[in-house]
Structure formats: structure tokens, C-alpha cells
Amino acid sequence: MKKMTLLFAAAALMIAMSSVASAQTASGTLTVTATVTGSINLVFNSDPAGVALTGSGTNAATLAFGTVSAFGPVGAGIVRSATATDFTVSSAVDVQVTETNTASANYTLTAQLGTADATNTWAVGGLAVTNAAASTITATGTYAANSNFPVAITIPFTTASGTNISNTINYTATAN
């Protein structure tokens, strides 16, 4: 009987301890804050009339003219013209700028060469671009629309055959 009483007492003690352990709780409050800021995004898209861009739909695309010459065939999407001393190759390139959470009605787009080019002349949207300063391509760009700003390189006839031409054009869109 003593054993039975001890067993009941031990069982009651275990039940009481488990009730006490599971009855413990804690609580807290997490305050969450955020501040929304307006933002814009710029991507390059292949224009149906131009050379297909590698990386189209991103902000880091490549326009590869391939092999170009003053006379003879040119690749699809390339427009060529020549003068008495040089020739120009160009391709349509679409720039799309989108905006969110801003009251900006439009944007300013600038372009600037990454490095100096003492031989060739570069243009975006018909406007000369150099590495010296950014050129304003448009002061009132329309959001969420593909805007065609052709890229052109004018190459002198004195350029040696086999010369590789390479540069970057840095575009900046600024909300107005």
C-alpha cells in the first residue's frame, strides 16, 4: 500500500510539473516601419528594325555590328551611309525607362562614351557622344515606352582593314 501511495504521489507530481512547464508563455511586439521611395529602371530592347541585342531586356546589353565596310553587303538591321572620307553604320536601339512610386511625369536621358575614341565619331539618337561629358539625348522621355535612339559609328576611310572598334556607352535616366 505504501508503494501504491508513493506511485500515485510520483504520478501526481509529474502531472503537476508538466502542467507548470507547459503553462509558461512569453509574448512580444515587433514594430515594422518602411519608407517608400520612387524609383526608375532602364533596359535596352532590340528594335525590330535594328540589330538584335545580346542581353535585350536588361540594362547591360551588347550591340554587335559584326564586320562592317564602306561598300558591299551589311548585316541585317544595319543602316550604312558614306561620304567622300568616311562611312557610318547605325542600328535602331530601343531604350525603355519605367517608373514606380513617383510623381515624375517624364525623364531625362543622357549618354556618354566609356573611353575616348580619337579615330571614330559616335552618336546616339543623332546626337554626338564623347567621353568628355554626357550628352542629353532627350529631356522629356516617356515612361514605359520603347524609345528608339539609334546608335551610330562614323569610321574614316583611313582605318586599316581588320581594325576592331569597341567602346561602351553609359546611359543615365533621371526622373524629372
C-alpha atoms as a PDB file:
ATOM      1  CA  MET A   1       0.000   0.000   0.000  1.00  0.00           C
ATOM      2  CA  LYS A   2       2.858   2.282   0.782  1.00  0.00           C
ATOM      3  CA  LYS A   3       4.269   1.564  -2.649  1.00  0.00           C
ATOM      4  CA  MET A   4       0.973   2.310  -4.262  1.00  0.00           C
ATOM      5  CA  THR A   5       0.679   5.604  -2.437  1.00  0.00           C
ATOM      6  CA  LEU A   6       4.213   6.513  -3.451  1.00  0.00           C
ATOM      7  CA  LEU A   7       3.411   5.673  -7.082  1.00  0.00           C
ATOM      8  CA  PHE A   8       0.317   7.850  -7.038  1.00  0.00           C
ATOM      9  CA  ALA A   9       2.233  10.662  -5.400  1.00  0.00           C
ATOM     10  CA  ALA A  10       5.012  10.415  -8.011  1.00  0.00           C
ATOM     11  CA  ALA A  11       2.491  10.383 -10.870  1.00  0.00           C
ATOM     12  CA  ALA A  12       0.642  13.366  -9.440  1.00  0.00           C
ATOM     13  CA  LEU A  13       3.937  15.226  -9.064  1.00  0.00           C
ATOM     14  CA  MET A  14       4.874  14.524 -12.718  1.00  0.00           C
ATOM     15  CA  ILE A  15       1.495  15.709 -13.952  1.00  0.00           C
ATOM     16  CA  ALA A  16       1.762  18.837 -11.845  1.00  0.00           C
ATOM     17  CA  MET A  17       5.270  19.570 -13.170  1.00  0.00           C
ATOM     18  CA  SER A  18       4.251  19.068 -16.807  1.00  0.00           C
ATOM     19  CA  SER A  19       1.291  21.378 -16.284  1.00  0.00           C
ATOM     20  CA  VAL A  20       3.571  24.014 -14.833  1.00  0.00           C
ATOM     21  CA  ALA A  21       6.129  23.626 -17.667  1.00  0.00           C
ATOM     22  CA  SER A  22       3.549  23.889 -20.458  1.00  0.00           C
ATOM     23  CA  ALA A  23       1.769  26.792 -18.810  1.00  0.00           C
ATOM     24  CA  GLN A  24       4.794  29.101 -19.236  1.00  0.00           C
ATOM     25  CA  THR A  25       4.399  31.690 -22.027  1.00  0.00           C
ATOM     26  CA  ALA A  26       6.102  34.786 -23.366  1.00  0.00           C
ATOM     27  CA  SER A  27       4.971  37.474 -25.744  1.00  0.00           C
ATOM     28  CA  GLY A  28       6.404  40.443 -27.575  1.00  0.00           C
ATOM     29  CA  THR A  29       5.583  43.151 -30.077  1.00  0.00           C
ATOM     30  CA  LEU A  30       7.515  43.846 -33.280  1.00  0.00           C
ATOM     31  CA  THR A  31       7.074  47.296 -34.767  1.00  0.00           C
ATOM     32  CA  VAL A  32       7.653  47.338 -38.541  1.00  0.00           C
ATOM     33  CA  THR A  33       8.367  50.504 -40.499  1.00  0.00           C
ATOM     34  CA  ALA A  34       9.282  51.256 -44.116  1.00  0.00           C
ATOM     35  CA  THR A  35       9.636  54.361 -46.220  1.00  0.00           C
ATOM     36  CA  VAL A  36       8.694  54.080 -49.890  1.00  0.00           C
ATOM     37  CA  THR A  37      10.910  55.910 -52.340  1.00  0.00           C
ATOM     38  CA  GLY A  38      10.286  56.398 -56.014  1.00  0.00           C
ATOM     39  CA  SER A  39      12.465  54.528 -58.466  1.00  0.00           C
ATOM     40  CA  ILE A  40      13.119  54.197 -62.172  1.00  0.00           C
ATOM     41  CA  ASN A  41      14.568  51.355 -64.233  1.00  0.00           C
ATOM     42  CA  LEU A  42      16.301  51.420 -67.631  1.00  0.00           C
ATOM     43  CA  VAL A  43      16.563  48.484 -70.060  1.00  0.00           C
ATOM     44  CA  PHE A  44      17.712  48.100 -73.661  1.00  0.00           C
ATOM     45  CA  ASN A  45      15.399  46.275 -76.071  1.00  0.00           C
ATOM     46  CA  SER A  46      16.077  45.018 -79.578  1.00  0.00           C
ATOM     47  CA  ASP A  47      14.262  47.191 -82.101  1.00  0.00           C
ATOM     48  CA  PRO A  48      12.614  45.159 -84.896  1.00  0.00           C
ATOM     49  CA  ALA A  49      14.379  47.396 -87.461  1.00  0.00           C
ATOM     50  CA  GLY A  50      17.816  47.047 -85.829  1.00  0.00           C
ATOM     51  CA  VAL A  51      20.481  44.519 -84.968  1.00  0.00           C
ATOM     52  CA  ALA A  52      19.331  42.045 -82.302  1.00  0.00           C
ATOM     53  CA  LEU A  53      20.926  42.962 -78.980  1.00  0.00           C
ATOM     54  CA  THR A  54      22.616  40.372 -76.826  1.00  0.00           C
ATOM     55  CA  GLY A  55      21.073  40.839 -73.380  1.00  0.00           C
ATOM     56  CA  SER A  56      17.949  42.526 -74.712  1.00  0.00           C
ATOM     57  CA  GLY A  57      15.561  43.329 -71.852  1.00  0.00           C
ATOM     58  CA  THR A  58      18.391  44.120 -69.424  1.00  0.00           C
ATOM     59  CA  ASN A  59      20.387  47.213 -68.519  1.00  0.00           C
ATOM     60  CA  ALA A  60      23.636  45.661 -69.810  1.00  0.00           C
ATOM     61  CA  ALA A  61      23.162  44.731 -73.466  1.00  0.00           C
ATOM     62  CA  THR A  62      25.592  44.416 -76.386  1.00  0.00           C
ATOM     63  CA  LEU A  63      25.148  45.792 -79.910  1.00  0.00           C
ATOM     64  CA  ALA A  64      27.437  43.740 -82.180  1.00  0.00           C
ATOM     65  CA  PHE A  65      27.638  45.240 -85.683  1.00  0.00           C
ATOM     66  CA  GLY A  66      29.938  42.435 -86.793  1.00  0.00           C
ATOM     67  CA  THR A  67      32.165  43.064 -89.816  1.00  0.00           C
ATOM     68  CA  VAL A  68      31.399  46.410 -91.455  1.00  0.00           C
ATOM     69  CA  SER A  69      32.682  48.114 -94.595  1.00  0.00           C
ATOM     70  CA  ALA A  70      32.031  51.228 -96.640  1.00  0.00           C
ATOM     71  CA  PHE A  71      30.861  49.213 -99.639  1.00  0.00           C
ATOM     72  CA  GLY A  72      29.385  45.785-100.091  1.00  0.00           C
ATOM     73  CA  PRO A  73      26.786  43.949 -98.065  1.00  0.00           C
ATOM     74  CA  VAL A  74      25.926  44.846 -94.480  1.00  0.00           C
ATOM     75  CA  GLY A  75      24.238  42.734 -91.837  1.00  0.00           C
ATOM     76  CA  ALA A  76      20.527  42.723 -91.101  1.00  0.00           C
ATOM     77  CA  GLY A  77      19.374  45.795 -89.193  1.00  0.00           C
ATOM     78  CA  ILE A  78      22.413  47.906 -90.124  1.00  0.00           C
ATOM     79  CA  VAL A  79      21.969  51.195 -91.972  1.00  0.00           C
ATOM     80  CA  ARG A  80      25.057  52.493 -93.772  1.00  0.00           C
ATOM     81  CA  SER A  81      25.876  55.793 -95.435  1.00  0.00           C
ATOM     82  CA  ALA A  82      29.129  57.113 -96.912  1.00  0.00           C
ATOM     83  CA  THR A  83      30.747  60.443 -97.684  1.00  0.00           C
ATOM     84  CA  ALA A  84      33.972  61.170 -99.574  1.00  0.00           C
ATOM     85  CA  THR A  85      36.092  60.485 -96.459  1.00  0.00           C
ATOM     86  CA  ASP A  86      34.205  58.133 -94.137  1.00  0.00           C
ATOM     87  CA  PHE A  87      31.230  55.838 -93.685  1.00  0.00           C
ATOM     88  CA  THR A  88      28.642  55.486 -90.924  1.00  0.00           C
ATOM     89  CA  VAL A  89      26.955  52.345 -89.663  1.00  0.00           C
ATOM     90  CA  SER A  90      23.955  52.605 -87.390  1.00  0.00           C
ATOM     91  CA  SER A  91      21.301  50.441 -85.814  1.00  0.00           C
ATOM     92  CA  ALA A  92      17.998  51.154 -84.129  1.00  0.00           C
ATOM     93  CA  VAL A  93      18.187  50.533 -80.355  1.00  0.00           C
ATOM     94  CA  ASP A  94      15.197  50.827 -78.056  1.00  0.00           C
ATOM     95  CA  VAL A  95      15.580  52.246 -74.558  1.00  0.00           C
ATOM     96  CA  GLN A  96      12.744  51.711 -72.101  1.00  0.00           C
ATOM     97  CA  VAL A  97      12.539  53.523 -68.779  1.00  0.00           C
ATOM     98  CA  THR A  98       9.851  52.598 -66.260  1.00  0.00           C
ATOM     99  CA  GLU A  99       8.940  54.290 -63.001  1.00  0.00           C
ATOM    100  CA  THR A 100       7.171  53.374 -59.790  1.00  0.00           C
ATOM    101  CA  ASN A 101       6.047  55.308 -56.752  1.00  0.00           C
ATOM    102  CA  THR A 102       6.919  58.695 -58.200  1.00  0.00           C
ATOM    103  CA  ALA A 103       5.056  61.732 -59.431  1.00  0.00           C
ATOM    104  CA  SER A 104       7.648  62.262 -62.164  1.00  0.00           C
ATOM    105  CA  ALA A 105       5.960  62.958 -65.494  1.00  0.00           C
ATOM    106  CA  ASN A 106       8.995  62.084 -67.646  1.00  0.00           C
ATOM    107  CA  TYR A 107      12.749  61.578 -67.570  1.00  0.00           C
ATOM    108  CA  THR A 108      15.981  62.981 -68.968  1.00  0.00           C
ATOM    109  CA  LEU A 109      18.252  60.516 -70.773  1.00  0.00           C
ATOM    110  CA  THR A 110      21.971  61.141 -71.198  1.00  0.00           C
ATOM    111  CA  ALA A 111      24.678  59.097 -72.890  1.00  0.00           C
ATOM    112  CA  GLN A 112      28.466  59.191 -72.606  1.00  0.00           C
ATOM    113  CA  LEU A 113      31.262  57.091 -74.108  1.00  0.00           C
ATOM    114  CA  GLY A 114      33.154  54.965 -71.621  1.00  0.00           C
ATOM    115  CA  THR A 115      36.559  55.791 -73.136  1.00  0.00           C
ATOM    116  CA  ALA A 116      37.929  58.337 -75.591  1.00  0.00           C
ATOM    117  CA  ASP A 117      37.938  57.438 -79.296  1.00  0.00           C
ATOM    118  CA  ALA A 118      40.377  59.600 -81.245  1.00  0.00           C
ATOM    119  CA  THR A 119      39.520  57.910 -84.561  1.00  0.00           C
ATOM    120  CA  ASN A 120      35.782  57.323 -84.818  1.00  0.00           C
ATOM    121  CA  THR A 121      32.764  59.503 -84.159  1.00  0.00           C
ATOM    122  CA  TRP A 122      29.866  58.148 -82.103  1.00  0.00           C
ATOM    123  CA  ALA A 123      26.219  59.220 -81.929  1.00  0.00           C
ATOM    124  CA  VAL A 124      23.086  58.195 -80.053  1.00  0.00           C
ATOM    125  CA  GLY A 125      19.728  59.345 -81.351  1.00  0.00           C
ATOM    126  CA  GLY A 126      21.511  61.560 -83.881  1.00  0.00           C
ATOM    127  CA  LEU A 127      23.475  63.422 -81.189  1.00  0.00           C
ATOM    128  CA  ALA A 128      27.248  63.194 -80.818  1.00  0.00           C
ATOM    129  CA  VAL A 129      28.509  61.371 -77.724  1.00  0.00           C
ATOM    130  CA  THR A 130      32.041  61.503 -76.337  1.00  0.00           C
ATOM    131  CA  ASN A 131      33.716  60.518 -73.103  1.00  0.00           C
ATOM    132  CA  ALA A 132      34.299  64.178 -72.144  1.00  0.00           C
ATOM    133  CA  ALA A 133      30.748  64.884 -70.943  1.00  0.00           C
ATOM    134  CA  ALA A 134      27.310  63.306 -71.015  1.00  0.00           C
ATOM    135  CA  SER A 135      25.096  64.332 -73.938  1.00  0.00           C
ATOM    136  CA  THR A 136      21.386  64.863 -73.333  1.00  0.00           C
ATOM    137  CA  ILE A 137      19.555  62.500 -75.681  1.00  0.00           C
ATOM    138  CA  THR A 138      16.086  63.548 -74.532  1.00  0.00           C
ATOM    139  CA  ALA A 139      14.876  65.883 -71.804  1.00  0.00           C
ATOM    140  CA  THR A 140      11.292  64.573 -71.812  1.00  0.00           C
ATOM    141  CA  GLY A 141      11.377  60.798 -72.242  1.00  0.00           C
ATOM    142  CA  THR A 142       8.110  58.890 -71.989  1.00  0.00           C
ATOM    143  CA  TYR A 143       7.939  56.206 -69.311  1.00  0.00           C
ATOM    144  CA  ALA A 144       7.062  52.576 -70.127  1.00  0.00           C
ATOM    145  CA  ALA A 145       7.565  53.038 -73.877  1.00  0.00           C
ATOM    146  CA  ASN A 146      10.301  51.775 -76.162  1.00  0.00           C
ATOM    147  CA  SER A 147      12.052  54.905 -77.386  1.00  0.00           C
ATOM    148  CA  ASN A 148      14.237  54.367 -80.455  1.00  0.00           C
ATOM    149  CA  PHE A 149      17.635  56.042 -80.129  1.00  0.00           C
ATOM    150  CA  PRO A 150      19.811  54.687 -82.970  1.00  0.00           C
ATOM    151  CA  VAL A 151      23.487  54.109 -82.206  1.00  0.00           C
ATOM    152  CA  ALA A 152      25.906  55.167 -84.967  1.00  0.00           C
ATOM    153  CA  ILE A 153      29.657  54.944 -85.529  1.00  0.00           C
ATOM    154  CA  THR A 154      31.353  57.029 -88.216  1.00  0.00           C
ATOM    155  CA  ILE A 155      34.578  55.396 -89.405  1.00  0.00           C
ATOM    156  CA  PRO A 156      37.241  57.152 -91.534  1.00  0.00           C
ATOM    157  CA  PHE A 157      38.296  55.525 -94.826  1.00  0.00           C
ATOM    158  CA  THR A 158      41.864  55.641 -93.479  1.00  0.00           C
ATOM    159  CA  THR A 159      41.081  52.991 -90.844  1.00  0.00           C
ATOM    160  CA  ALA A 160      43.077  49.822 -91.542  1.00  0.00           C
ATOM    161  CA  SER A 161      41.230  46.671 -92.530  1.00  0.00           C
ATOM    162  CA  GLY A 162      40.882  44.320 -89.558  1.00  0.00           C
ATOM    163  CA  THR A 163      40.711  47.144 -87.002  1.00  0.00           C
ATOM    164  CA  ASN A 164      38.429  46.234 -84.110  1.00  0.00           C
ATOM    165  CA  ILE A 165      36.183  49.003 -82.801  1.00  0.00           C
ATOM    166  CA  SER A 166      34.857  48.660 -79.274  1.00  0.00           C
ATOM    167  CA  ASN A 167      33.562  51.047 -76.632  1.00  0.00           C
ATOM    168  CA  THR A 168      30.782  51.323 -74.083  1.00  0.00           C
ATOM    169  CA  ILE A 169      28.042  53.907 -73.976  1.00  0.00           C
ATOM    170  CA  ASN A 170      26.878  54.741 -70.460  1.00  0.00           C
ATOM    171  CA  TYR A 171      23.223  55.796 -70.335  1.00  0.00           C
ATOM    172  CA  THR A 172      21.680  57.604 -67.368  1.00  0.00           C
ATOM    173  CA  ALA A 173      17.955  58.187 -66.923  1.00  0.00           C
ATOM    174  CA  THR A 174      16.963  60.820 -64.364  1.00  0.00           C
ATOM    175  CA  ALA A 175      13.388  61.386 -63.238  1.00  0.00           C
ATOM    176  CA  ASN A 176      12.160  64.920 -63.908  1.00  0.00           C
END
